[in-house]
């Protein structure tokens, strides 16, 4: 395999394709018996991708990063028509104990393991994904078996994307070969899992990815995990990567429910997998997974019972190239080395020592509430033991605006218990929509959940942009990334304007959430100054406009709400382009 040209390529690569292991072993299935019994992977495993082509030692980087399990990328044939897989498609690195075998043994001695990954974008694009390259099902199956027995692994990872998604014959050969290997493994008493990694939209699999799984069902092929590449959307929109991960995986779970109607919710969540890309991906700054996104995704994945958490790639988990997107060796954002590995590593559970852990959630499920000035409302804060024994969890709340108090009672619970959150607004509380973060802390552990609070009142929170002229002198109810503020210059009208502080590692977004009328057309408009100043909405409507101007220039964009009417209005700049300013903002119907 050639080195991926960009992270899209690289992460496409990351898509686990059962594609590159086509050794012809005599009659195919059954040609090799299991010499040892591979150890099954934990029920929930963190296994970041490892770039096999750059000369690094998997065992060394596994120890340095704390990532005990690695997804090894990639296996593919050397040329179209071949049935023999190599690491990175390079004939000098065959499937053999002499290549990576000692590293894998060392990792197992430390309680870890590896998942060989077949395919990747380069293979799927170039015809060297094994089921595209090799037309003999038995030979494909034999190749899979050789990888399993050579390295004594219990899961193969299948990356299907690009041209491989459109190759119906290859899709069918692959699933037929996997079925043969599964029958072989069962006959030999060998544990074996198969994962498919596929591209995604923000709402789940596209039709082409879904067709791969439908073909597996038709062939009687068991799919244990479906990983989505929740870092590449290629849709031209700005993304909240943590939120889009949740909607993509939630959509996948619903699609799996249609394919496997007899499975429980817990079983369906246990079939899902997440692949992120730390920092700026190959598409560009609009798809940037930040250090703030990582714990949000971690907590959510734990709470849902997701099977596999991963990212592309271990060698990127450092901040050595600020502002650079899609680099093989660094994330492009400011971060501590191994930050993402250290954040995700506790996800692995189901084998080895069990650690005490818990989750925090706010109910109702909508995690939203409203209160009028002078009034109060309540919500439930629930905790649950996710592993080990129950801990005492201290509850705190942040993000309440002036005039609003949020008090949990009791202020600490034993994990598994609940607390009543009372939110009260004074007569002077400013109308608007705010994010209250409820944090549960126990020792070094900390997990959070968000309650969206709307303070109603004249001109506030329900149908009208609040503080659009910034003349209150305070950003509330706007919430901004670090450095965002109300400034006295430059302004368009009045005495104040909003500043969004874009840096090399953030867009500087300032935002507020409105509840508008459902199914109604609106126009967002305002005056914006600076390089790459974006004005837009997301949520129940998606629209944006951008421009670059040394002075204030009018920007407007129309949008139509959906069934809920709830949208988030935002202003942001662009990475490395400096602060942008906005003034006299409004939403009109």
Protein backbone atom coordinates (compact mmCIF):
# COMPACT_ATOMS: atom_id res chain seq x y z
CA UNK A 1 0.00 0.00 0.00
CA UNK A 2 1.25 3.45 -0.85
CA UNK A 3 1.29 5.92 1.98
CA UNK A 4 -2.13 7.64 2.07
CA UNK A 5 -1.99 11.03 0.48
CA UNK A 6 -4.17 12.83 2.97
CA UNK A 7 -6.02 11.90 6.05
CA UNK A 8 -9.12 11.29 4.10
CA UNK A 9 -7.12 8.78 2.29
CA UNK A 10 -5.43 7.82 5.45
CA UNK A 11 -8.61 7.49 7.33
CA UNK A 12 -10.34 5.89 4.63
CA UNK A 13 -7.49 3.64 5.20
CA UNK A 14 -8.55 3.59 8.71
CA UNK A 15 -11.81 2.14 7.64
CA UNK A 16 -11.39 -1.47 8.57
CA UNK A 17 -11.74 -3.50 5.50
CA UNK A 18 -11.56 -7.18 5.41
CA UNK A 19 -9.76 -6.71 2.23
CA UNK A 20 -6.10 -7.44 2.14
CA UNK A 21 -5.18 -10.91 3.04
CA UNK A 22 -5.26 -13.05 0.00
CA UNK A 23 -2.68 -15.80 0.37
CA UNK A 24 -3.52 -18.90 -1.58
CA UNK A 25 -3.12 -21.77 0.88
CA UNK A 26 -3.84 -24.93 -1.03
CA UNK A 27 -7.53 -25.62 -0.73
CA UNK A 28 -8.32 -22.42 1.17
CA UNK A 29 -10.36 -22.90 4.33
CA UNK A 30 -9.15 -25.51 6.77
CA UNK A 31 -5.61 -25.40 5.38
CA UNK A 32 -4.27 -24.19 8.73
CA UNK A 33 -5.54 -25.34 12.09
CA UNK A 34 -5.36 -23.16 15.17
CA UNK A 35 -2.11 -23.90 16.95
CA UNK A 36 -3.20 -21.94 20.00
CA UNK A 37 -6.43 -20.44 21.24
CA UNK A 38 -6.39 -16.70 20.66
CA UNK A 39 -7.61 -14.57 23.54
CA UNK A 40 -10.88 -12.75 22.84
CA UNK A 41 -10.77 -8.97 22.98
CA UNK A 42 -12.40 -7.12 25.87
CA UNK A 43 -16.10 -6.34 25.48
CA UNK A 44 -15.22 -2.64 25.22
CA UNK A 45 -11.83 -1.85 23.73
CA UNK A 46 -9.79 1.22 22.83
CA UNK A 47 -7.63 0.29 19.83
CA UNK A 48 -6.15 3.25 17.91
CA UNK A 49 -4.71 2.71 14.45
CA UNK A 50 -1.00 2.15 14.01
CA UNK A 51 0.69 3.18 10.74
CA UNK A 52 2.65 0.07 9.78
CA UNK A 53 4.81 1.65 7.10
CA UNK A 54 6.89 4.17 9.04
CA UNK A 55 9.33 1.90 10.89
CA UNK A 56 7.95 2.45 14.40
CA UNK A 57 7.71 -0.41 16.87
CA UNK A 58 4.08 -1.19 17.80
CA UNK A 59 5.15 -2.50 21.19
CA UNK A 60 7.26 0.58 21.97
CA UNK A 61 4.57 3.10 21.07
CA UNK A 62 1.91 1.02 22.79
CA UNK A 63 3.90 1.24 26.02
CA UNK A 64 4.70 4.95 25.64
CA UNK A 65 1.10 5.94 24.88
CA UNK A 66 -0.69 3.57 27.25
CA UNK A 67 -2.74 2.15 24.34
CA UNK A 68 -2.53 -1.59 25.07
CA UNK A 69 -4.52 -2.58 21.97
CA UNK A 70 -3.70 -1.42 18.44
CA UNK A 71 -5.45 -1.68 15.08
CA UNK A 72 -2.68 -2.47 12.61
CA UNK A 73 -3.01 -0.68 9.26
CA UNK A 74 -2.97 -2.02 6.64
CA UNK A 75 -2.90 -5.31 4.74
CA UNK A 76 -3.42 -5.29 0.96
CA UNK A 77 -2.14 -7.04 -2.14
CA UNK A 78 0.90 -5.80 -3.97
CA UNK A 79 -0.91 -5.47 -7.30
CA UNK A 80 -4.33 -5.95 -8.88
CA UNK A 81 -5.13 -9.60 -9.49
CA UNK A 82 -2.98 -10.88 -6.63
CA UNK A 83 -4.33 -13.04 -3.80
CA UNK A 84 -1.37 -12.47 -1.47
CA UNK A 85 -1.56 -9.71 1.16
CA UNK A 86 1.40 -7.78 2.57
CA UNK A 87 1.69 -5.08 5.18
CA UNK A 88 1.20 -1.83 3.28
CA UNK A 89 1.15 -3.85 0.06
CA UNK A 90 4.96 -4.12 0.30
CA UNK A 91 6.38 -7.54 -0.62
CA UNK A 92 9.29 -6.96 1.77
CA UNK A 93 6.86 -7.05 4.73
CA UNK A 94 4.90 -10.30 4.33
CA UNK A 95 2.45 -11.92 6.73
CA UNK A 96 5.08 -13.72 8.80
CA UNK A 97 6.17 -14.04 12.41
CA UNK A 98 9.37 -12.21 11.47
CA UNK A 99 7.32 -9.10 10.63
CA UNK A 100 5.79 -7.57 13.79
CA UNK A 101 5.50 -10.98 15.48
CA UNK A 102 7.88 -10.16 18.34
CA UNK A 103 6.12 -6.82 18.92
CA UNK A 104 2.72 -8.51 19.13
CA UNK A 105 4.05 -11.09 21.60
CA UNK A 106 5.46 -8.32 23.79
CA UNK A 107 2.15 -6.45 23.73
CA UNK A 108 0.29 -9.58 24.82
CA UNK A 109 2.72 -10.03 27.70
CA UNK A 110 1.56 -6.59 28.89
CA UNK A 111 -2.12 -7.48 28.64
CA UNK A 112 -2.76 -6.07 25.14
CA UNK A 113 -3.25 -7.34 21.60
CA UNK A 114 -3.68 -6.27 17.97
CA UNK A 115 -6.41 -6.16 15.32
CA UNK A 116 -5.03 -6.59 11.78
CA UNK A 117 -6.83 -4.23 9.41
CA UNK A 118 -7.34 -5.08 5.74
CA UNK A 119 -7.75 -2.53 2.99
CA UNK A 120 -7.81 1.20 3.59
CA UNK A 121 -8.43 3.99 1.15
CA UNK A 122 -5.37 3.35 -1.00
CA UNK A 123 -6.29 -0.32 -1.45
CA UNK A 124 -9.97 0.46 -2.00
CA UNK A 125 -9.05 3.14 -4.53
CA UNK A 126 -6.34 1.17 -6.33
CA UNK A 127 -7.94 -2.28 -6.63
CA UNK A 128 -5.57 -3.99 -4.19
CA UNK A 129 -8.19 -4.67 -1.50
CA UNK A 130 -8.02 -8.45 -1.46
CA UNK A 131 -11.64 -9.23 -2.32
CA UNK A 132 -11.45 -6.73 -5.20
CA UNK A 133 -8.04 -8.03 -6.34
CA UNK A 134 -8.57 -11.78 -5.91
CA UNK A 135 -11.54 -13.45 -7.60
CA UNK A 136 -11.28 -16.82 -5.81
CA UNK A 137 -13.32 -16.97 -2.59
CA UNK A 138 -11.33 -19.90 -1.18
CA UNK A 139 -8.05 -18.06 -1.75
CA UNK A 140 -9.39 -14.98 0.03
CA UNK A 141 -10.53 -17.13 2.93
CA UNK A 142 -7.16 -18.87 3.08
CA UNK A 143 -5.43 -15.51 3.26
CA UNK A 144 -7.59 -14.45 6.21
CA UNK A 145 -6.82 -17.74 7.95
CA UNK A 146 -3.09 -17.25 7.47
CA UNK A 147 -3.21 -13.85 9.16
CA UNK A 148 -5.25 -15.28 12.04
CA UNK A 149 -2.92 -18.24 12.67
CA UNK A 150 0.36 -16.43 12.00
CA UNK A 151 -0.37 -13.73 14.57
CA UNK A 152 -2.85 -15.65 16.76
CA UNK A 153 -5.48 -12.89 16.63
CA UNK A 154 -9.16 -12.99 17.47
CA UNK A 155 -10.48 -10.13 15.33
CA UNK A 156 -10.01 -9.03 11.73
CA UNK A 157 -10.86 -5.50 10.73
CA UNK A 158 -12.42 -4.81 7.31
CA UNK A 159 -12.06 -1.36 5.73
CA UNK A 160 -14.47 -0.77 2.84
CA UNK A 161 -14.68 2.60 1.14
CA UNK A 162 -14.27 4.45 -2.15
CA UNK A 163 -14.36 2.07 -5.17
CA UNK A 164 -14.77 -0.99 -2.97
CA UNK A 165 -18.20 0.27 -1.92
CA UNK A 166 -19.33 0.07 -5.53
CA UNK A 167 -17.77 -3.31 -6.35
CA UNK A 168 -20.72 -5.63 -5.85
CA UNK A 169 -18.77 -8.74 -6.83
CA UNK A 170 -15.99 -7.90 -4.38
CA UNK A 171 -18.49 -7.24 -1.59
CA UNK A 172 -20.11 -10.64 -2.16
CA UNK A 173 -16.76 -12.47 -2.40
CA UNK A 174 -15.59 -10.86 0.81
CA UNK A 175 -18.64 -11.87 2.81
CA UNK A 176 -18.60 -15.38 1.41
CA UNK A 177 -14.92 -15.73 2.33
CA UNK A 178 -15.55 -14.39 5.84
CA UNK A 179 -18.35 -16.92 6.28
CA UNK A 180 -15.97 -19.73 5.33
CA UNK A 181 -13.40 -18.47 7.83
CA UNK A 182 -16.04 -18.20 10.55
CA UNK A 183 -17.08 -21.81 9.93
CA UNK A 184 -13.40 -22.85 10.03
CA UNK A 185 -12.83 -20.99 13.31
CA UNK A 186 -15.92 -22.55 14.88
CA UNK A 187 -14.83 -26.03 13.83
CA UNK A 188 -11.40 -25.45 15.39
CA UNK A 189 -12.74 -23.92 18.61
CA UNK A 190 -11.12 -20.61 17.79
CA UNK A 191 -12.69 -17.26 18.86
CA UNK A 192 -13.06 -14.89 15.94
CA UNK A 193 -14.70 -11.51 15.47
CA UNK A 194 -15.17 -9.53 12.28
CA UNK A 195 -15.49 -5.75 12.19
CA UNK A 196 -16.42 -3.61 9.23
CA UNK A 197 -15.24 -0.01 9.11
CA UNK A 198 -17.27 2.19 6.79
CA UNK A 199 -17.67 5.86 5.85
CA UNK A 200 -20.54 7.73 7.48
CA UNK A 201 -22.86 10.69 7.29
CA UNK A 202 -23.88 12.65 10.38
CA UNK A 203 -26.98 10.45 10.62
CA UNK A 204 -25.50 7.00 10.00
CA UNK A 205 -24.42 4.86 7.07
CA UNK A 206 -25.03 5.96 3.52
CA UNK A 207 -26.81 3.47 1.25
CA UNK A 208 -23.53 2.08 -0.11
CA UNK A 209 -22.24 1.17 3.34
CA UNK A 210 -25.59 -0.27 4.36
CA UNK A 211 -25.51 -2.50 1.27
CA UNK A 212 -22.26 -4.11 2.51
CA UNK A 213 -24.00 -5.19 5.72
CA UNK A 214 -27.15 -6.29 3.88
CA UNK A 215 -24.99 -8.56 1.74
CA UNK A 216 -23.37 -9.98 4.88
CA UNK A 217 -26.81 -10.82 6.30
CA UNK A 218 -27.79 -12.46 3.00
CA UNK A 219 -24.65 -14.62 3.08
CA UNK A 220 -25.11 -15.66 6.70
CA UNK A 221 -21.92 -13.77 7.60
CA UNK A 222 -21.71 -12.62 11.20
CA UNK A 223 -20.65 -9.00 11.69
CA UNK A 224 -19.60 -8.31 15.27
CA UNK A 225 -18.75 -4.61 15.10
CA UNK A 226 -19.44 -1.79 12.64
CA UNK A 227 -16.96 1.07 13.01
CA UNK A 228 -17.86 4.45 11.55
CA UNK A 229 -15.25 6.98 10.47
CA UNK A 230 -16.78 9.81 12.45
CA UNK A 231 -14.11 12.26 11.38
CA UNK A 232 -14.73 12.57 7.64
CA UNK A 233 -18.03 13.94 6.33
CA UNK A 234 -16.92 15.87 3.24
CA UNK A 235 -20.14 17.86 3.17
CA UNK A 236 -18.78 21.39 3.14
CA UNK A 237 -20.28 22.23 6.54
CA UNK A 238 -18.71 23.28 9.81
CA UNK A 239 -18.98 20.47 12.37
CA UNK A 240 -19.35 19.94 16.08
CA UNK A 241 -17.40 16.71 15.94
CA UNK A 242 -18.52 15.33 19.29
CA UNK A 243 -22.19 15.96 18.56
CA UNK A 244 -21.90 14.58 15.02
CA UNK A 245 -20.30 11.43 16.43
CA UNK A 246 -23.36 10.91 18.61
CA UNK A 247 -25.86 11.40 15.79
CA UNK A 248 -23.85 9.22 13.38
CA UNK A 249 -23.53 6.32 15.82
CA UNK A 250 -27.13 6.73 16.98
CA UNK A 251 -28.24 6.50 13.35
CA UNK A 252 -26.08 3.40 12.86
CA UNK A 253 -27.67 1.75 15.89
CA UNK A 254 -31.13 2.31 14.37
CA UNK A 255 -29.96 0.86 11.04
CA UNK A 256 -28.56 -2.20 12.81
CA UNK A 257 -31.92 -2.63 14.56
CA UNK A 258 -33.54 -3.02 11.14
CA UNK A 259 -30.92 -5.56 10.04
CA UNK A 260 -30.98 -7.52 13.31
CA UNK A 261 -34.54 -7.15 14.67
CA UNK A 262 -34.13 -9.81 17.37
CA UNK A 263 -31.29 -8.02 19.15
CA UNK A 264 -31.74 -5.90 22.25
CA UNK A 265 -30.74 -2.25 22.49
CA UNK A 266 -27.69 -3.20 24.55
CA UNK A 267 -26.63 -5.76 21.93
CA UNK A 268 -27.06 -3.22 19.13
CA UNK A 269 -25.00 -0.54 20.90
CA UNK A 270 -22.45 -3.28 21.52
CA UNK A 271 -22.07 -3.68 17.74
CA UNK A 272 -21.08 -0.04 17.19
CA UNK A 273 -17.59 1.42 16.96
CA UNK A 274 -16.21 4.97 16.76
CA UNK A 275 -13.13 6.16 14.87
CA UNK A 276 -12.05 9.76 15.41
CA UNK A 277 -9.10 11.70 14.02
CA UNK A 278 -7.41 13.88 16.64
CA UNK A 279 -6.97 17.47 15.54
CA UNK A 280 -7.42 18.73 11.98
CA UNK A 281 -8.35 15.97 9.55
CA UNK A 282 -7.57 15.63 5.86
CA UNK A 283 -10.67 17.61 4.86
CA UNK A 284 -9.55 20.69 6.75
CA UNK A 285 -10.31 22.86 9.77
CA UNK A 286 -14.10 22.45 9.45
CA UNK A 287 -13.60 18.87 10.68
CA UNK A 288 -11.39 19.34 13.74
CA UNK A 289 -11.66 16.95 16.69
CA UNK A 290 -10.47 18.93 19.71
CA UNK A 291 -9.16 18.06 23.16
CA UNK A 292 -12.54 19.22 24.50
CA UNK A 293 -14.39 16.79 22.18
CA UNK A 294 -12.49 13.73 23.42
CA UNK A 295 -13.95 13.42 26.96
CA UNK A 296 -17.44 14.15 25.64
CA UNK A 297 -17.21 11.27 23.16
CA UNK A 298 -15.62 9.04 25.79
CA UNK A 299 -18.38 9.61 28.33
CA UNK A 300 -21.09 9.11 25.73
CA UNK A 301 -19.53 5.92 24.37
CA UNK A 302 -19.28 4.50 27.89
CA UNK A 303 -22.87 5.43 28.70
CA UNK A 304 -24.22 3.72 25.56
CA UNK A 305 -22.08 0.57 25.76
CA UNK A 306 -20.25 1.15 22.45
CA UNK A 307 -17.93 -1.73 21.56
CA UNK A 308 -14.85 -0.11 20.06
CA UNK A 309 -13.25 3.32 20.40
CA UNK A 310 -10.42 4.22 18.07
CA UNK A 311 -8.69 7.03 16.24
CA UNK A 312 -6.39 7.60 13.32
CA UNK A 313 -3.62 7.26 14.21
CA UNK A 314 -1.33 6.68 17.19
CA UNK A 315 1.57 8.50 15.53
CA UNK A 316 -0.61 11.64 15.24
CA UNK A 317 -1.24 11.94 18.99
CA UNK A 318 0.95 15.01 19.56
CA UNK A 319 0.80 18.73 18.79
CA UNK A 320 3.96 18.97 16.74
CA UNK A 321 2.53 20.77 13.67
CA UNK A 322 0.11 23.55 14.73
CA UNK A 323 -2.39 24.47 12.01
CA UNK A 324 -1.48 21.55 9.72
CA UNK A 325 -4.27 19.24 8.60
CA UNK A 326 -4.13 15.55 7.69
CA UNK A 327 -0.53 14.94 8.76
CA UNK A 328 0.62 11.36 9.45
CA UNK A 329 2.76 12.34 12.42
CA UNK A 330 0.94 15.13 14.33
CA UNK A 331 -2.56 16.41 15.04
CA UNK A 332 -2.24 20.05 13.96
CA UNK A 333 -3.63 21.39 17.24
CA UNK A 334 -2.14 22.43 20.57
CA UNK A 335 -2.13 19.32 22.80
CA UNK A 336 -0.01 17.29 25.18
CA UNK A 337 1.68 14.27 23.63
CA UNK A 338 -0.58 11.21 24.07
CA UNK A 339 -3.51 13.36 25.27
CA UNK A 340 -6.08 11.46 23.20
CA UNK A 341 -4.60 8.06 24.07
CA UNK A 342 -4.65 8.86 27.78
CA UNK A 343 -8.24 10.14 27.55
CA UNK A 344 -9.54 7.07 25.68
CA UNK A 345 -7.41 4.34 27.32
CA UNK A 346 -9.78 3.70 30.29
CA UNK A 347 -12.47 2.72 27.77
CA UNK A 348 -11.00 -0.78 27.57
CA UNK A 349 -12.92 -3.06 29.91
CA UNK A 350 -14.04 -6.65 30.09
CA UNK A 351 -10.66 -8.19 30.84
CA UNK A 352 -7.87 -7.58 33.31
CA UNK A 353 -8.33 -5.61 36.54
CA UNK A 354 -11.70 -3.88 36.71
CA UNK A 355 -11.53 -0.20 37.64
CA UNK A 356 -14.27 1.71 39.41
CA UNK A 357 -16.10 4.08 37.06
CA UNK A 358 -19.48 5.67 36.60
CA UNK A 359 -21.57 7.83 34.26
CA UNK A 360 -23.54 11.05 34.75
CA UNK A 361 -26.73 11.94 32.85
CA UNK A 362 -29.45 14.58 33.05
CA UNK A 363 -33.07 13.60 32.43
CA UNK A 364 -35.47 13.98 30.72
CA UNK A 365 -33.73 12.57 27.67
CA UNK A 366 -34.07 15.90 25.86
CA UNK A 367 -31.81 17.37 28.60
CA UNK A 368 -33.55 20.72 28.25
CA UNK A 369 -35.67 22.87 30.55
CA UNK A 370 -37.21 26.33 30.59
CA UNK A 371 -37.87 28.81 33.36
CA UNK A 372 -39.46 32.26 33.54
CA UNK A 373 -37.75 35.10 35.44
CA UNK A 374 -38.84 34.79 39.06
CA UNK A 375 -39.63 31.09 38.64
CA UNK A 376 -37.92 27.73 39.05
CA UNK A 377 -37.78 24.31 37.43
CA UNK A 378 -36.21 20.93 38.20
CA UNK A 379 -34.38 18.13 36.43
CA UNK A 380 -33.03 14.77 37.54
CA UNK A 381 -29.32 14.01 37.64
CA UNK A 382 -28.75 10.26 37.43
CA UNK A 383 -25.55 8.31 37.91
CA UNK A 384 -24.73 4.70 37.07
CA UNK A 385 -21.88 2.30 37.81
CA UNK A 386 -20.17 1.47 34.50
CA UNK A 387 -17.42 -0.72 35.94
CA UNK A 388 -16.14 -1.89 39.30
CA UNK A 389 -17.74 -0.76 42.52
CA UNK A 390 -19.88 2.27 43.35
CA UNK A 391 -18.00 5.44 44.26
CA UNK A 392 -19.14 8.58 46.03
CA UNK A 393 -19.71 11.24 43.37
CA UNK A 394 -19.72 14.97 44.17
CA UNK A 395 -22.04 17.02 41.93
CA UNK A 396 -21.41 20.61 40.82
CA UNK A 397 -23.01 22.86 38.20
CA UNK A 398 -21.34 25.49 36.00
CA UNK A 399 -22.49 27.78 33.19
CA UNK A 400 -25.44 29.43 34.95
CA UNK A 401 -25.82 33.11 33.89
CA UNK A 402 -26.23 36.01 36.28
CA UNK A 403 -29.50 35.75 38.20
CA UNK A 404 -29.79 31.97 37.79
CA UNK A 405 -28.86 29.42 40.44
CA UNK A 406 -28.62 25.66 39.89
CA UNK A 407 -28.40 23.49 43.00
CA UNK A 408 -28.25 19.68 43.16
CA UNK A 409 -29.77 18.01 46.22
CA UNK A 410 -28.12 15.99 47.50
CA UNK A 411 -24.79 17.46 46.42
CA UNK A 412 -23.16 14.04 46.45
CA UNK A 413 -24.48 10.56 45.69
CA UNK A 414 -23.23 7.01 45.58
CA UNK A 415 -22.86 5.98 41.93
CA UNK A 416 -26.15 4.45 40.92
CA UNK A 417 -28.11 7.10 42.83
CA UNK A 418 -29.89 10.26 41.68
CA UNK A 419 -30.07 13.92 42.69
CA UNK A 420 -32.71 16.57 42.08
CA UNK A 421 -31.39 19.67 40.31
CA UNK A 422 -33.35 22.84 41.12
CA UNK A 423 -32.86 25.79 38.77
CA UNK A 424 -34.18 29.19 39.88
CA UNK A 425 -34.20 32.46 37.94
CA UNK A 426 -34.42 35.88 39.57
CA UNK A 427 -36.63 38.64 38.20
CA UNK A 428 -33.53 40.19 36.62
CA UNK A 429 -32.32 37.04 34.84
CA UNK A 430 -31.63 37.82 31.19
CA UNK A 431 -33.79 35.90 28.70
CA UNK A 432 -31.83 33.50 26.55
CA UNK A 433 -30.67 29.92 26.18
CA UNK A 434 -27.76 28.64 28.24
CA UNK A 435 -25.77 25.42 28.70
CA UNK A 436 -25.51 24.25 32.29
CA UNK A 437 -22.82 21.62 32.78
CA UNK A 438 -23.44 19.14 35.59
CA UNK A 439 -20.16 17.53 36.65
CA UNK A 440 -19.76 14.47 38.84
CA UNK A 441 -16.31 14.15 40.44
CA UNK A 442 -14.82 11.25 42.38
CA UNK A 443 -11.11 11.44 43.07
CA UNK A 444 -9.31 11.85 39.74
CA UNK A 445 -12.40 10.82 37.76
CA UNK A 446 -14.79 13.42 36.35
CA UNK A 447 -17.78 12.97 34.05
CA UNK A 448 -20.26 15.59 32.84
CA UNK A 449 -23.68 16.04 31.27
CA UNK A 450 -25.33 19.16 29.85
CA UNK A 451 -28.73 20.67 30.57
CA UNK A 452 -29.91 23.26 28.04
CA UNK A 453 -31.80 25.96 29.95
CA UNK A 454 -34.06 28.57 28.34
CA UNK A 455 -34.88 31.65 30.40
CA UNK A 456 -38.06 32.97 28.84
CA UNK A 457 -39.31 36.54 28.84
CA UNK A 458 -39.98 39.46 26.56
CA UNK A 459 -37.75 39.21 23.53
CA UNK A 460 -35.84 36.26 24.88
CA UNK A 461 -35.09 32.69 24.09
CA UNK A 462 -38.20 31.84 22.12
CA UNK A 463 -38.24 33.33 18.67
CA UNK A 464 -35.86 36.27 18.90
CA UNK A 465 -32.09 36.58 18.95
CA UNK A 466 -31.07 37.95 22.35
CA UNK A 467 -28.44 40.68 22.72
CA UNK A 468 -27.86 40.86 18.99
CA UNK A 469 -26.56 44.42 19.24
CA UNK A 470 -24.33 43.57 22.23
CA UNK A 471 -25.33 46.81 23.91
CA UNK A 472 -25.74 45.03 27.23
CA UNK A 473 -21.95 45.16 27.43
CA UNK A 474 -21.92 41.43 28.27
CA UNK A 475 -21.87 38.46 25.86
CA UNK A 476 -24.73 36.68 27.68
CA UNK A 477 -26.53 34.66 26.41
CA UNK A 478 -23.82 34.18 23.78
CA UNK A 479 -21.26 31.56 24.80
CA UNK A 480 -17.84 31.77 23.19
CA UNK A 481 -14.65 29.80 22.80
CA UNK A 482 -11.67 31.02 24.84
CA UNK A 483 -10.91 34.67 24.10
CA UNK A 484 -14.40 35.54 22.85
CA UNK A 485 -15.70 38.80 24.30
CA UNK A 486 -17.75 41.95 23.92
CA UNK A 487 -15.52 44.81 22.70
CA UNK A 488 -15.93 48.56 22.32
CA UNK A 489 -14.03 48.71 19.02
CA UNK A 490 -14.45 48.11 16.18
CA UNK A 491 -18.25 48.43 16.23
CA UNK A 492 -20.87 48.83 13.54
CA UNK A 493 -23.55 50.53 15.59
CA UNK A 494 -23.85 51.61 19.21
CA UNK A 495 -20.98 51.06 21.63
CA UNK A 496 -20.27 47.33 21.58
CA UNK A 497 -19.67 44.39 19.25
CA UNK A 498 -18.96 40.67 19.57
CA UNK A 499 -15.41 39.35 19.03
CA UNK A 500 -14.78 35.70 18.11
CA UNK A 501 -11.14 34.83 18.77
CA UNK A 502 -10.00 32.41 16.06
CA UNK A 503 -6.57 30.87 16.68
CA UNK A 504 -4.48 28.09 15.19
CA UNK A 505 -6.41 25.57 17.30
CA UNK A 506 -9.98 26.97 17.38
CA UNK A 507 -12.49 28.87 15.26
CA UNK A 508 -13.42 31.06 18.22
CA UNK A 509 -17.10 30.26 17.90
CA UNK A 510 -19.71 32.33 19.75
CA UNK A 511 -23.23 30.88 19.77
CA UNK A 512 -26.67 30.97 21.33
CA UNK A 513 -29.65 28.62 20.96
CA UNK A 514 -33.15 29.77 20.00
CA UNK A 515 -36.49 28.04 19.86
CA UNK A 516 -38.21 29.34 16.75
CA UNK A 517 -41.48 28.38 15.11
CA UNK A 518 -41.33 24.98 13.43
CA UNK A 519 -41.38 24.70 9.63
CA UNK A 520 -40.87 28.42 9.17
CA UNK A 521 -38.51 30.39 6.94
CA UNK A 522 -36.19 32.87 8.67
CA UNK A 523 -33.28 35.12 7.75
CA UNK A 524 -30.17 35.48 9.89
CA UNK A 525 -28.33 38.71 9.22
CA UNK A 526 -25.65 40.87 10.75
CA UNK A 527 -22.55 42.96 10.13
CA UNK A 528 -19.25 41.04 10.14
CA UNK A 529 -15.62 42.20 9.94
CA UNK A 530 -12.45 40.10 9.57
CA UNK A 531 -10.95 37.25 7.56
CA UNK A 532 -13.22 34.26 6.96
CA UNK A 533 -16.03 35.38 9.22
CA UNK A 534 -18.79 32.75 9.30
CA UNK A 535 -22.40 33.46 10.28
CA UNK A 536 -24.82 30.54 10.37
CA UNK A 537 -27.26 28.19 12.11
CA UNK A 538 -27.28 24.48 12.91
CA UNK A 539 -29.62 22.13 14.69
CA UNK A 540 -33.15 22.03 13.29
CA UNK A 541 -31.86 23.97 10.27
CA UNK A 542 -28.46 24.19 8.63
CA UNK A 543 -27.22 27.25 6.73
CA UNK A 544 -24.19 29.52 6.74
CA UNK A 545 -22.51 32.39 4.90
CA UNK A 546 -18.95 33.69 5.11
CA UNK A 547 -16.88 36.57 3.91
CA UNK A 548 -13.62 38.45 4.40
CA UNK A 549 -13.63 42.20 4.89
CA UNK A 550 -11.35 44.77 6.51
CA UNK A 551 -14.46 46.70 7.55
CA UNK A 552 -17.98 45.73 8.55
CA UNK A 553 -19.95 44.11 5.71
CA UNK A 554 -23.55 42.90 5.74
CA UNK A 555 -24.03 39.11 5.70
CA UNK A 556 -27.38 37.35 5.43
CA UNK A 557 -28.49 33.75 5.07
CA UNK A 558 -32.00 32.26 4.85
CA UNK A 559 -33.01 29.02 6.53
CA UNK A 560 -36.16 27.01 7.21
CA UNK A 561 -36.72 25.29 10.54
CA UNK A 562 -37.84 21.70 10.89
CA UNK A 563 -40.24 20.06 13.30
CA UNK A 564 -38.76 21.41 16.55
CA UNK A 565 -37.66 24.91 15.58
CA UNK A 566 -34.63 24.76 17.86
CA UNK A 567 -31.50 26.14 16.23
CA UNK A 568 -28.11 27.37 17.36
CA UNK A 569 -26.98 30.66 15.84
CA UNK A 570 -23.21 30.99 15.57
CA UNK A 571 -20.41 33.33 14.58
CA UNK A 572 -16.88 32.07 14.09
CA UNK A 573 -13.67 32.76 12.25
CA UNK A 574 -11.16 30.34 10.79
CA UNK A 575 -8.05 28.66 12.07
CA UNK A 576 -5.07 30.99 12.06
CA UNK A 577 -6.99 33.83 10.39
CA UNK A 578 -7.40 36.06 13.43
CA UNK A 579 -10.32 37.56 15.34
CA UNK A 580 -13.60 38.33 13.59
CA UNK A 581 -16.22 40.81 14.82
CA UNK A 582 -19.99 40.97 14.48
CA UNK A 583 -22.61 43.54 15.40
CA UNK A 584 -26.33 44.22 15.00
CA UNK A 585 -27.27 40.58 14.53
CA UNK A 586 -30.88 39.54 14.06
CA UNK A 587 -33.15 36.65 13.12
CA UNK A 588 -36.31 37.69 11.29
CA UNK A 589 -39.15 35.79 9.68
